[in-house]
Amino acid sequence: MFVISLPLAILFCVITMLGWGSWANTQKLAGKEKWPFQLFYWDYAIGVFLFSLLFSLLGGGFQVVGAFTIPALISGAIFNLANILLVIGIDAAGMSVAFPVGIGLALVIGTIESYLLEPKGNPSLLFAGVALIVFAMIMSGASHRSHGRSPVRGLIFSIVAGCIMGLFYPQLMRAIGPGKLTPYVALVFFAAGVLLSNIIVNTVFMRAGGFRYADYFRGSAKLHSIGILGGSIWMLALCLNVIASNVAGPAISYALGQGATLVAAIWGVFIWREKGNILYTTLMFIGYASGLILIGAATLR
């Protein structure tokens, strides 16, 4: 595994933030091409798996400790269910609503559970930062309610997605470490869990939407490449985050990475024009930015 310094770990977390906050643009692009989220998500899951294989090649080995493949597979399945619910939330409510609510909630749950698993960093700064993230999440929802445009279906899916997604990262961390799996191997099994569980989860959503597998194969090479790119971007971010967690600690690296909520909100408001109440939107940005600064400062204990 790469041996990195704390500043480089923080940089990796920032890249994670950018990747996790930007991949959903590929879904928006596919949507503009009239490509339903159910079909887009197959390519996304394939992109996650393919990039995990590429990342594993950098590790130079593939030693497997059987008992610890299960947590990695389960982590992938948990993430997959949560993420496809988030994709539905984005499809219904837009990035500036679904991400701050869904991923903000996942940040809170995942950070607390990760800190209990491996306490690293200043807890006062860490949890003050998390509290500000919660405030920003509330402001995001209020911003759109104030204009009477709150897409209830999207909010519901985003909330459920956030509750589930907060569980995947600590589960993945349980599979990594001395006497367990290397990050390279764990991430391959994580991605396998995403792809295998998608056969069940996405098939349900495909049938609910009236789509067949034949519809997927009618998609153009451009549409398939957009989805694979989205999955690859997300997986690159996770790979860097896992490397950073060895130095910064899982709680801080996960919390900083989930600053993706701020990045996604910026994309949604300024690029995709998903605007709400100006005051609440401004408070949302201030809350997220302040929370992330405190979480970053928590590493300096």
Protein backbone atom coordinates (compact mmCIF):
# COMPACT_ATOMS: atom_id res chain seq x y z
CA MET A 1 0.00 0.00 0.00
CA PHE A 2 1.16 3.54 -0.68
CA VAL A 3 2.82 5.23 2.31
CA ILE A 4 1.72 8.86 2.31
CA SER A 5 2.07 11.94 4.51
CA LEU A 6 -0.80 13.69 6.28
CA PRO A 7 -0.87 16.62 3.79
CA LEU A 8 -1.07 14.16 0.90
CA ALA A 9 -3.83 12.27 2.72
CA ILE A 10 -5.81 15.50 3.02
CA LEU A 11 -5.21 16.17 -0.70
CA PHE A 12 -6.54 12.69 -1.50
CA CYS A 13 -9.64 13.47 0.57
CA VAL A 14 -10.14 16.69 -1.38
CA ILE A 15 -9.91 14.75 -4.66
CA THR A 16 -12.40 12.28 -3.19
CA MET A 17 -14.71 15.19 -2.45
CA LEU A 18 -14.47 16.42 -6.04
CA GLY A 19 -15.00 12.95 -7.50
CA TRP A 20 -17.93 11.97 -5.29
CA GLY A 21 -19.53 15.35 -5.86
CA SER A 22 -19.08 15.35 -9.63
CA TRP A 23 -19.90 11.85 -10.89
CA ALA A 24 -23.65 12.58 -10.88
CA ASN A 25 -23.08 15.03 -13.73
CA THR A 26 -22.75 11.96 -15.93
CA GLN A 27 -26.27 10.92 -14.91
CA LYS A 28 -27.54 14.40 -15.76
CA LEU A 29 -25.83 14.19 -19.15
CA ALA A 30 -27.33 10.76 -19.82
CA GLY A 31 -30.73 12.07 -18.75
CA LYS A 32 -30.51 14.84 -21.33
CA GLU A 33 -30.05 12.07 -23.91
CA LYS A 34 -33.32 10.49 -22.65
CA TRP A 35 -31.43 7.57 -21.08
CA PRO A 36 -33.40 6.34 -18.01
CA PHE A 37 -31.55 6.09 -14.71
CA GLN A 38 -32.19 2.32 -14.54
CA LEU A 39 -30.21 1.76 -17.76
CA PHE A 40 -27.57 4.35 -16.87
CA TYR A 41 -26.95 2.58 -13.57
CA TRP A 42 -25.84 -0.67 -15.22
CA ASP A 43 -22.95 1.15 -16.87
CA TYR A 44 -22.20 2.99 -13.64
CA ALA A 45 -21.87 -0.34 -11.74
CA ILE A 46 -19.68 -1.77 -14.52
CA GLY A 47 -17.46 1.33 -14.33
CA VAL A 48 -17.05 0.86 -10.56
CA PHE A 49 -15.96 -2.76 -11.05
CA LEU A 50 -13.60 -2.11 -13.96
CA PHE A 51 -11.79 0.68 -12.12
CA SER A 52 -11.40 -1.53 -9.03
CA LEU A 53 -9.57 -4.06 -11.19
CA LEU A 54 -7.31 -1.34 -12.57
CA PHE A 55 -6.57 -0.11 -9.05
CA SER A 56 -5.77 -3.64 -7.88
CA LEU A 57 -3.06 -3.92 -10.54
CA LEU A 58 -1.21 -1.11 -8.78
CA GLY A 59 -1.08 -3.23 -5.62
CA GLY A 60 1.09 -5.88 -7.22
CA GLY A 61 -0.63 -8.75 -5.46
CA PHE A 62 -3.95 -10.40 -4.75
CA GLN A 63 -3.71 -12.13 -1.40
CA VAL A 64 -7.16 -13.08 -0.14
CA VAL A 65 -8.15 -13.76 3.47
CA GLY A 66 -11.47 -15.51 2.97
CA ALA A 67 -13.31 -14.42 6.12
CA PHE A 68 -12.83 -10.76 5.31
CA THR A 69 -14.15 -10.90 1.77
CA ILE A 70 -17.67 -11.06 3.22
CA PRO A 71 -17.65 -7.58 4.84
CA ALA A 72 -16.27 -6.11 1.61
CA LEU A 73 -19.00 -7.77 -0.49
CA ILE A 74 -21.69 -6.69 1.99
CA SER A 75 -20.31 -3.14 1.94
CA GLY A 76 -20.65 -3.07 -1.85
CA ALA A 77 -24.23 -4.35 -1.69
CA ILE A 78 -25.15 -1.75 0.97
CA PHE A 79 -23.63 1.04 -1.08
CA ASN A 80 -25.32 -0.14 -4.26
CA LEU A 81 -28.80 -0.12 -2.75
CA ALA A 82 -28.21 3.31 -1.20
CA ASN A 83 -26.69 4.79 -4.33
CA ILE A 84 -29.42 3.66 -6.69
CA LEU A 85 -31.97 5.22 -4.31
CA LEU A 86 -29.88 8.40 -4.42
CA VAL A 87 -29.86 8.24 -8.22
CA ILE A 88 -33.67 8.13 -8.12
CA GLY A 89 -33.58 11.12 -5.76
CA ILE A 90 -31.35 13.03 -8.18
CA ASP A 91 -33.61 12.10 -11.06
CA ALA A 92 -36.67 13.40 -9.19
CA ALA A 93 -35.28 16.33 -7.20
CA GLY A 94 -31.98 17.39 -8.78
CA MET A 95 -28.41 17.40 -7.47
CA SER A 96 -28.79 20.46 -5.24
CA VAL A 97 -31.52 18.71 -3.21
CA ALA A 98 -30.69 14.99 -3.32
CA PHE A 99 -26.98 15.29 -2.51
CA PRO A 100 -27.14 17.70 0.46
CA VAL A 101 -29.96 15.70 2.06
CA GLY A 102 -28.92 12.15 1.19
CA ILE A 103 -25.14 12.41 1.38
CA GLY A 104 -25.30 14.87 4.27
CA LEU A 105 -27.20 12.27 6.27
CA ALA A 106 -24.77 9.54 5.17
CA LEU A 107 -21.88 11.76 6.30
CA VAL A 108 -23.30 12.08 9.78
CA ILE A 109 -24.02 8.36 10.20
CA GLY A 110 -20.80 7.17 8.57
CA THR A 111 -18.56 9.62 10.44
CA ILE A 112 -19.95 8.72 13.85
CA GLU A 113 -19.74 4.98 13.21
CA SER A 114 -16.23 5.25 11.72
CA TYR A 115 -15.01 7.29 14.69
CA LEU A 116 -16.35 4.72 17.14
CA LEU A 117 -14.56 2.04 15.11
CA GLU A 118 -11.21 3.89 15.08
CA PRO A 119 -11.03 7.17 17.07
CA LYS A 120 -8.57 9.52 15.35
CA GLY A 121 -8.52 13.31 15.38
CA ASN A 122 -9.99 15.96 17.65
CA PRO A 123 -13.52 14.82 18.52
CA SER A 124 -14.75 18.32 19.44
CA LEU A 125 -13.78 19.78 16.07
CA LEU A 126 -14.93 16.68 14.21
CA PHE A 127 -18.43 16.61 15.68
CA ALA A 128 -18.81 20.40 15.56
CA GLY A 129 -18.11 20.05 11.84
CA VAL A 130 -20.68 17.29 11.55
CA ALA A 131 -23.25 19.49 13.34
CA LEU A 132 -22.69 22.24 10.79
CA ILE A 133 -23.21 19.70 8.00
CA VAL A 134 -26.57 18.78 9.55
CA PHE A 135 -27.47 22.48 9.65
CA ALA A 136 -26.54 22.83 5.98
CA MET A 137 -28.61 19.78 5.09
CA ILE A 138 -31.67 21.33 6.79
CA MET A 139 -31.07 24.62 4.94
CA SER A 140 -30.97 22.74 1.64
CA GLY A 141 -34.39 21.22 2.22
CA ALA A 142 -35.80 24.53 3.49
CA SER A 143 -34.47 26.35 0.43
CA HIS A 144 -36.65 24.38 -1.92
CA ARG A 145 -39.68 24.14 0.37
CA SER A 146 -39.74 27.94 0.63
CA HIS A 147 -40.41 28.22 -3.09
CA GLY A 148 -43.07 25.53 -3.03
CA ARG A 149 -40.90 23.37 -5.27
CA SER A 150 -39.92 20.65 -2.84
CA PRO A 151 -40.01 17.38 -4.78
CA VAL A 152 -41.31 15.14 -2.00
CA ARG A 153 -40.57 11.89 -3.84
CA GLY A 154 -36.95 12.91 -4.39
CA LEU A 155 -36.51 13.96 -0.76
CA ILE A 156 -37.93 10.69 0.54
CA PHE A 157 -35.64 8.59 -1.64
CA SER A 158 -32.66 10.78 -0.68
CA ILE A 159 -33.35 10.41 3.06
CA VAL A 160 -33.65 6.63 2.82
CA ALA A 161 -30.50 6.54 0.67
CA GLY A 162 -28.58 8.56 3.25
CA CYS A 163 -29.62 6.31 6.14
CA ILE A 164 -28.38 3.23 4.26
CA MET A 165 -25.27 4.79 2.71
CA GLY A 166 -23.89 5.83 6.08
CA LEU A 167 -23.36 2.11 6.83
CA PHE A 168 -21.22 1.06 3.86
CA TYR A 169 -17.90 2.74 4.72
CA PRO A 170 -17.43 1.39 8.27
CA GLN A 171 -18.33 -2.07 6.92
CA LEU A 172 -15.63 -1.75 4.25
CA MET A 173 -13.06 -0.65 6.85
CA ARG A 174 -13.71 -3.84 8.81
CA ALA A 175 -12.31 -5.81 5.87
CA ILE A 176 -9.02 -3.86 5.61
CA GLY A 177 -5.94 -4.08 7.82
CA PRO A 178 -3.14 -6.32 9.07
CA GLY A 179 -4.19 -9.95 8.81
CA LYS A 180 -7.20 -8.91 6.73
CA LEU A 181 -7.47 -7.74 3.13
CA THR A 182 -5.23 -5.20 1.47
CA PRO A 183 -7.09 -2.11 0.22
CA TYR A 184 -6.56 -3.27 -3.37
CA VAL A 185 -8.22 -6.63 -2.78
CA ALA A 186 -10.97 -5.25 -0.52
CA LEU A 187 -12.00 -2.72 -3.15
CA VAL A 188 -12.28 -5.41 -5.82
CA PHE A 189 -14.64 -7.39 -3.59
CA PHE A 190 -16.50 -4.19 -2.72
CA ALA A 191 -17.01 -3.49 -6.42
CA ALA A 192 -18.05 -7.10 -7.00
CA GLY A 193 -20.68 -6.61 -4.29
CA VAL A 194 -21.94 -3.53 -6.16
CA LEU A 195 -22.16 -5.34 -9.49
CA LEU A 196 -23.64 -8.61 -8.18
CA SER A 197 -26.27 -6.94 -6.00
CA ASN A 198 -27.22 -4.76 -8.94
CA ILE A 199 -28.56 -7.85 -10.69
CA ILE A 200 -31.27 -8.00 -8.03
CA VAL A 201 -31.72 -4.35 -7.05
CA ASN A 202 -31.71 -2.73 -10.47
CA THR A 203 -33.78 -5.48 -12.03
CA VAL A 204 -36.55 -4.55 -9.59
CA PHE A 205 -36.37 -0.88 -10.61
CA MET A 206 -36.19 -1.80 -14.28
CA ARG A 207 -39.38 -3.82 -14.07
CA ALA A 208 -41.07 -1.07 -12.08
CA GLY A 209 -40.16 1.36 -14.84
CA GLY A 210 -41.27 -0.96 -17.62
CA PHE A 211 -37.77 -1.55 -19.02
CA ARG A 212 -36.21 -4.76 -20.32
CA TYR A 213 -32.60 -5.84 -20.66
CA ALA A 214 -32.99 -5.52 -24.42
CA ASP A 215 -33.50 -1.77 -23.89
CA TYR A 216 -30.05 -1.53 -22.33
CA PHE A 217 -28.34 -3.08 -25.34
CA ARG A 218 -30.04 -0.60 -27.65
CA GLY A 219 -28.08 2.23 -26.06
CA SER A 220 -25.35 3.93 -28.07
CA ALA A 221 -21.64 3.62 -27.29
CA LYS A 222 -21.75 7.26 -26.15
CA LEU A 223 -24.46 6.56 -23.57
CA HIS A 224 -22.69 3.47 -22.23
CA SER A 225 -19.37 5.34 -21.98
CA ILE A 226 -21.02 8.16 -19.98
CA GLY A 227 -22.24 5.68 -17.35
CA ILE A 228 -18.91 3.83 -17.18
CA LEU A 229 -17.13 7.17 -16.77
CA GLY A 230 -19.44 8.04 -13.87
CA GLY A 231 -18.68 4.77 -12.09
CA SER A 232 -14.95 5.14 -12.71
CA ILE A 233 -14.90 8.67 -11.28
CA TRP A 234 -16.71 7.53 -8.14
CA MET A 235 -14.42 4.51 -7.68
CA LEU A 236 -11.24 6.54 -8.18
CA ALA A 237 -12.43 8.78 -5.37
CA LEU A 238 -13.07 5.80 -3.08
CA CYS A 239 -9.64 4.31 -3.81
CA LEU A 240 -7.87 7.53 -2.84
CA ASN A 241 -10.08 7.87 0.22
CA VAL A 242 -9.21 4.40 1.49
CA ILE A 243 -5.49 5.15 1.07
CA ALA A 244 -5.94 8.42 2.98
CA SER A 245 -7.84 6.71 5.80
CA ASN A 246 -4.69 4.87 6.86
CA VAL A 247 -3.18 8.23 7.85
CA ALA A 248 -6.08 10.57 8.65
CA GLY A 249 -8.34 7.90 10.13
CA PRO A 250 -11.57 6.53 8.63
CA ALA A 251 -13.88 9.06 10.29
CA ILE A 252 -12.03 12.13 9.05
CA SER A 253 -11.24 10.79 5.58
CA TYR A 254 -14.87 9.74 5.10
CA ALA A 255 -16.24 13.03 6.41
CA LEU A 256 -13.96 15.10 4.20
CA GLY A 257 -14.76 12.93 1.20
CA GLN A 258 -18.46 13.38 1.78
CA GLY A 259 -17.87 17.09 1.45
CA ALA A 260 -18.98 16.03 -2.00
CA THR A 261 -22.32 17.42 -0.88
CA LEU A 262 -20.91 20.93 -1.25
CA VAL A 263 -19.42 20.16 -4.66
CA ALA A 264 -22.66 18.61 -5.91
CA ALA A 265 -24.69 21.54 -4.61
CA ILE A 266 -22.41 23.92 -6.52
CA TRP A 267 -22.91 21.89 -9.71
CA GLY A 268 -26.66 21.80 -9.15
CA VAL A 269 -27.14 25.50 -8.37
CA PHE A 270 -24.66 27.14 -10.73
CA ILE A 271 -24.44 24.72 -13.67
CA TRP A 272 -27.81 22.94 -13.76
CA ARG A 273 -29.73 25.99 -12.48
CA GLU A 274 -31.52 24.16 -9.65
CA LYS A 275 -32.03 27.31 -7.62
CA GLY A 276 -34.06 27.72 -4.43
CA ASN A 277 -34.39 30.44 -1.80
CA ILE A 278 -31.28 32.64 -1.91
CA LEU A 279 -30.96 33.07 1.87
CA TYR A 280 -31.31 29.37 2.69
CA THR A 281 -29.04 28.38 -0.20
CA THR A 282 -26.38 30.80 1.07
CA LEU A 283 -26.68 29.41 4.60
CA MET A 284 -26.36 25.90 3.16
CA PHE A 285 -23.06 26.77 1.47
CA ILE A 286 -21.75 28.52 4.59
CA GLY A 287 -22.72 25.53 6.76
CA TYR A 288 -21.03 23.01 4.50
CA ALA A 289 -17.88 25.08 4.01
CA SER A 290 -17.52 25.79 7.75
CA GLY A 291 -18.21 22.16 8.65
CA LEU A 292 -15.57 20.89 6.24
CA ILE A 293 -13.00 23.36 7.59
CA LEU A 294 -13.60 22.10 11.14
CA ILE A 295 -13.40 18.46 10.03
CA GLY A 296 -10.10 19.18 8.26
CA ALA A 297 -8.79 20.96 11.38
CA ALA A 298 -9.68 17.89 13.45
CA THR A 299 -6.73 16.07 11.83
CA LEU A 300 -4.27 18.48 13.43
CA ARG A 301 -4.70 17.18 16.98
